[in-house]
């Protein structure tokens, strides 16, 4: 599947650690891809193998119509 960079589409990603207590953290990711701004909230847990995402919620400010989104994703 092509990425926005592969297609020359504008894209932007911002990471922000909202909080960390010992082996738990909450990360906010704001990204612009395929004409939509997404805000993701990730709950992370640090294990012996490293940080793992244990939960994700997201919001899209402008969800494109399904056929148009599929066209954009698949090229």
N, C-alpha and C. Protein backbone atom coordinates (compact mmCIF):
# COMPACT_ATOMS: atom_id res chain seq x y z
N UNK A 1 0.85 -1.17 0.00
CA UNK A 1 0.00 0.00 0.00
C UNK A 1 0.90 1.24 0.00
N UNK A 2 0.66 2.18 -0.91
CA UNK A 2 1.51 3.38 -0.97
C UNK A 2 1.30 4.29 0.23
N UNK A 3 2.36 4.93 0.65
CA UNK A 3 2.28 5.91 1.74
C UNK A 3 2.05 7.30 1.14
N UNK A 4 1.67 8.29 1.96
CA UNK A 4 1.53 9.66 1.44
C UNK A 4 2.83 10.14 0.79
N UNK A 5 3.97 9.81 1.39
CA UNK A 5 5.26 10.24 0.82
C UNK A 5 5.48 9.61 -0.54
N UNK A 6 5.10 8.34 -0.70
CA UNK A 6 5.25 7.66 -1.99
C UNK A 6 4.46 8.37 -3.07
N UNK A 7 3.29 8.89 -2.69
CA UNK A 7 2.41 9.55 -3.65
C UNK A 7 2.65 11.05 -3.77
N UNK A 8 3.54 11.60 -2.94
CA UNK A 8 3.80 13.03 -2.95
C UNK A 8 2.71 13.84 -2.28
N UNK A 9 1.84 13.19 -1.50
CA UNK A 9 0.78 13.88 -0.78
C UNK A 9 1.35 14.58 0.45
N UNK A 10 0.76 15.74 0.83
CA UNK A 10 1.22 16.40 2.06
C UNK A 10 0.90 15.54 3.28
N UNK A 11 1.83 15.54 4.23
CA UNK A 11 1.61 14.79 5.47
C UNK A 11 2.41 15.45 6.58
N UNK A 12 1.95 15.25 7.81
CA UNK A 12 2.59 15.86 8.97
C UNK A 12 2.29 14.97 10.17
N UNK A 13 3.26 14.79 11.05
CA UNK A 13 3.07 13.98 12.26
C UNK A 13 3.70 14.72 13.43
N UNK A 14 2.97 14.77 14.55
CA UNK A 14 3.47 15.39 15.78
C UNK A 14 3.24 14.44 16.95
N UNK A 15 4.26 14.26 17.77
CA UNK A 15 4.19 13.38 18.94
C UNK A 15 4.29 14.22 20.20
N UNK A 16 3.49 13.88 21.20
CA UNK A 16 3.52 14.58 22.48
C UNK A 16 3.27 13.58 23.60
N UNK A 17 4.19 13.49 24.54
CA UNK A 17 3.97 12.65 25.71
C UNK A 17 3.13 13.45 26.68
N UNK A 18 1.92 12.96 26.94
CA UNK A 18 1.03 13.69 27.85
C UNK A 18 1.36 13.42 29.30
N UNK A 19 1.73 12.17 29.60
CA UNK A 19 2.03 11.83 30.98
C UNK A 19 2.78 10.50 31.02
N UNK A 20 3.67 10.39 31.99
CA UNK A 20 4.37 9.12 32.24
C UNK A 20 4.54 8.96 33.74
N UNK A 21 4.16 7.79 34.22
CA UNK A 21 4.35 7.42 35.62
C UNK A 21 4.95 6.03 35.63
N UNK A 22 6.22 5.97 36.04
CA UNK A 22 6.93 4.68 36.06
C UNK A 22 6.82 3.99 34.71
N UNK A 23 6.16 2.85 34.67
CA UNK A 23 6.10 2.03 33.45
C UNK A 23 4.82 2.24 32.65
N UNK A 24 4.13 3.36 32.87
CA UNK A 24 2.91 3.66 32.13
C UNK A 24 3.03 5.05 31.52
N UNK A 25 2.46 5.19 30.32
CA UNK A 25 2.53 6.48 29.65
C UNK A 25 1.32 6.66 28.74
N UNK A 26 1.01 7.93 28.45
CA UNK A 26 -0.03 8.28 27.49
C UNK A 26 0.61 9.18 26.45
N UNK A 27 0.45 8.82 25.19
CA UNK A 27 1.05 9.55 24.07
C UNK A 27 -0.05 10.09 23.18
N UNK A 28 0.11 11.34 22.76
CA UNK A 28 -0.82 11.95 21.81
C UNK A 28 -0.08 12.11 20.48
N UNK A 29 -0.69 11.61 19.42
CA UNK A 29 -0.12 11.75 18.08
C UNK A 29 -1.13 12.49 17.22
N UNK A 30 -0.70 13.57 16.62
CA UNK A 30 -1.54 14.31 15.68
C UNK A 30 -0.91 14.15 14.31
N UNK A 31 -1.68 13.66 13.35
CA UNK A 31 -1.12 13.46 12.02
C UNK A 31 -2.12 13.84 10.94
N UNK A 32 -1.57 14.40 9.86
CA UNK A 32 -2.34 14.79 8.69
C UNK A 32 -1.96 13.86 7.57
N UNK A 33 -2.92 13.09 7.09
CA UNK A 33 -2.64 12.14 6.02
C UNK A 33 -3.89 12.02 5.15
N UNK A 34 -3.70 12.00 3.84
CA UNK A 34 -4.79 11.87 2.87
C UNK A 34 -5.89 12.90 3.09
N UNK A 35 -5.49 14.12 3.48
CA UNK A 35 -6.45 15.21 3.64
C UNK A 35 -7.26 15.18 4.92
N UNK A 36 -6.86 14.36 5.88
CA UNK A 36 -7.60 14.24 7.14
C UNK A 36 -6.64 14.43 8.31
N UNK A 37 -7.04 15.25 9.30
CA UNK A 37 -6.28 15.38 10.54
C UNK A 37 -6.79 14.32 11.51
N UNK A 38 -5.89 13.48 12.00
CA UNK A 38 -6.22 12.47 13.00
C UNK A 38 -5.55 12.83 14.32
N UNK A 39 -6.23 12.58 15.43
CA UNK A 39 -5.64 12.69 16.75
C UNK A 39 -5.76 11.32 17.40
N UNK A 40 -4.63 10.71 17.72
CA UNK A 40 -4.58 9.40 18.36
C UNK A 40 -4.10 9.56 19.79
N UNK A 41 -4.72 8.83 20.70
CA UNK A 41 -4.27 8.75 22.08
C UNK A 41 -3.87 7.30 22.33
N UNK A 42 -2.62 7.08 22.68
CA UNK A 42 -2.11 5.73 22.92
C UNK A 42 -1.77 5.56 24.39
N UNK A 43 -2.23 4.47 24.98
CA UNK A 43 -1.81 4.08 26.32
C UNK A 43 -0.69 3.06 26.15
N UNK A 44 0.42 3.30 26.84
CA UNK A 44 1.58 2.43 26.71
C UNK A 44 1.96 1.83 28.05
N UNK A 45 2.55 0.65 27.98
CA UNK A 45 3.04 -0.05 29.16
C UNK A 45 4.45 -0.53 28.87
N UNK A 46 5.38 -0.24 29.77
CA UNK A 46 6.76 -0.68 29.59
C UNK A 46 6.92 -2.09 30.16
N UNK A 47 7.39 -3.00 29.32
CA UNK A 47 7.61 -4.38 29.74
C UNK A 47 9.10 -4.69 29.63
N UNK A 48 9.47 -5.90 29.92
CA UNK A 48 10.87 -6.30 29.77
C UNK A 48 11.34 -6.20 28.32
N UNK A 49 10.39 -6.27 27.38
CA UNK A 49 10.72 -6.18 25.95
C UNK A 49 10.68 -4.76 25.41
N UNK A 50 10.28 -3.78 26.24
CA UNK A 50 10.18 -2.39 25.80
C UNK A 50 8.77 -1.87 25.94
N UNK A 51 8.51 -0.72 25.34
CA UNK A 51 7.19 -0.09 25.42
C UNK A 51 6.22 -0.77 24.46
N UNK A 52 4.99 -1.04 24.94
CA UNK A 52 3.95 -1.67 24.14
C UNK A 52 2.68 -0.83 24.21
N UNK A 53 2.00 -0.68 23.07
CA UNK A 53 0.71 -0.01 23.05
C UNK A 53 -0.34 -0.99 23.55
N UNK A 54 -1.10 -0.59 24.56
CA UNK A 54 -2.14 -1.47 25.11
C UNK A 54 -3.55 -0.96 24.81
N UNK A 55 -3.67 0.31 24.35
CA UNK A 55 -4.97 0.86 24.01
C UNK A 55 -4.79 2.03 23.07
N UNK A 56 -5.76 2.19 22.14
CA UNK A 56 -5.73 3.33 21.22
C UNK A 56 -7.13 3.84 21.01
N UNK A 57 -7.29 5.16 21.09
CA UNK A 57 -8.51 5.82 20.65
C UNK A 57 -8.10 6.89 19.65
N UNK A 58 -9.01 7.27 18.77
CA UNK A 58 -8.65 8.28 17.78
C UNK A 58 -9.87 9.11 17.41
N UNK A 59 -9.57 10.26 16.80
CA UNK A 59 -10.59 11.15 16.27
C UNK A 59 -10.11 11.62 14.91
N UNK A 60 -11.00 11.68 13.93
CA UNK A 60 -10.70 12.23 12.61
C UNK A 60 -11.57 13.46 12.41
N UNK A 61 -10.96 14.59 12.05
CA UNK A 61 -11.74 15.83 11.94
C UNK A 61 -12.54 15.91 10.66
N UNK A 62 -12.14 15.18 9.63
CA UNK A 62 -12.88 15.19 8.37
C UNK A 62 -12.71 13.81 7.74
N UNK A 63 -13.65 12.92 7.96
CA UNK A 63 -13.55 11.58 7.42
C UNK A 63 -14.05 11.59 5.97
N UNK A 64 -13.18 11.25 5.04
CA UNK A 64 -13.63 11.25 3.64
C UNK A 64 -14.63 10.12 3.39
N UNK A 65 -15.38 10.24 2.34
CA UNK A 65 -16.32 9.19 1.96
C UNK A 65 -15.55 7.91 1.68
N UNK A 66 -16.13 6.78 1.98
CA UNK A 66 -15.46 5.49 1.86
C UNK A 66 -14.87 5.24 0.47
N UNK A 67 -15.61 5.42 -0.63
CA UNK A 67 -15.01 5.16 -1.95
C UNK A 67 -13.82 6.07 -2.24
N UNK A 68 -13.93 7.34 -1.84
CA UNK A 68 -12.83 8.28 -2.07
C UNK A 68 -11.61 7.91 -1.23
N UNK A 69 -11.84 7.50 0.02
CA UNK A 69 -10.73 7.09 0.88
C UNK A 69 -10.03 5.87 0.30
N UNK A 70 -10.79 4.90 -0.18
CA UNK A 70 -10.20 3.71 -0.78
C UNK A 70 -9.39 4.08 -2.02
N UNK A 71 -9.91 4.99 -2.82
CA UNK A 71 -9.18 5.45 -4.02
C UNK A 71 -7.86 6.09 -3.62
N UNK A 72 -7.88 6.95 -2.60
CA UNK A 72 -6.66 7.62 -2.15
C UNK A 72 -5.65 6.62 -1.58
N UNK A 73 -6.13 5.66 -0.83
CA UNK A 73 -5.21 4.68 -0.22
C UNK A 73 -4.58 3.76 -1.25
N UNK A 74 -5.36 3.36 -2.21
CA UNK A 74 -4.88 2.35 -3.16
C UNK A 74 -4.27 2.96 -4.42
N UNK A 75 -4.43 4.26 -4.58
CA UNK A 75 -3.80 4.92 -5.72
C UNK A 75 -4.61 4.80 -6.96
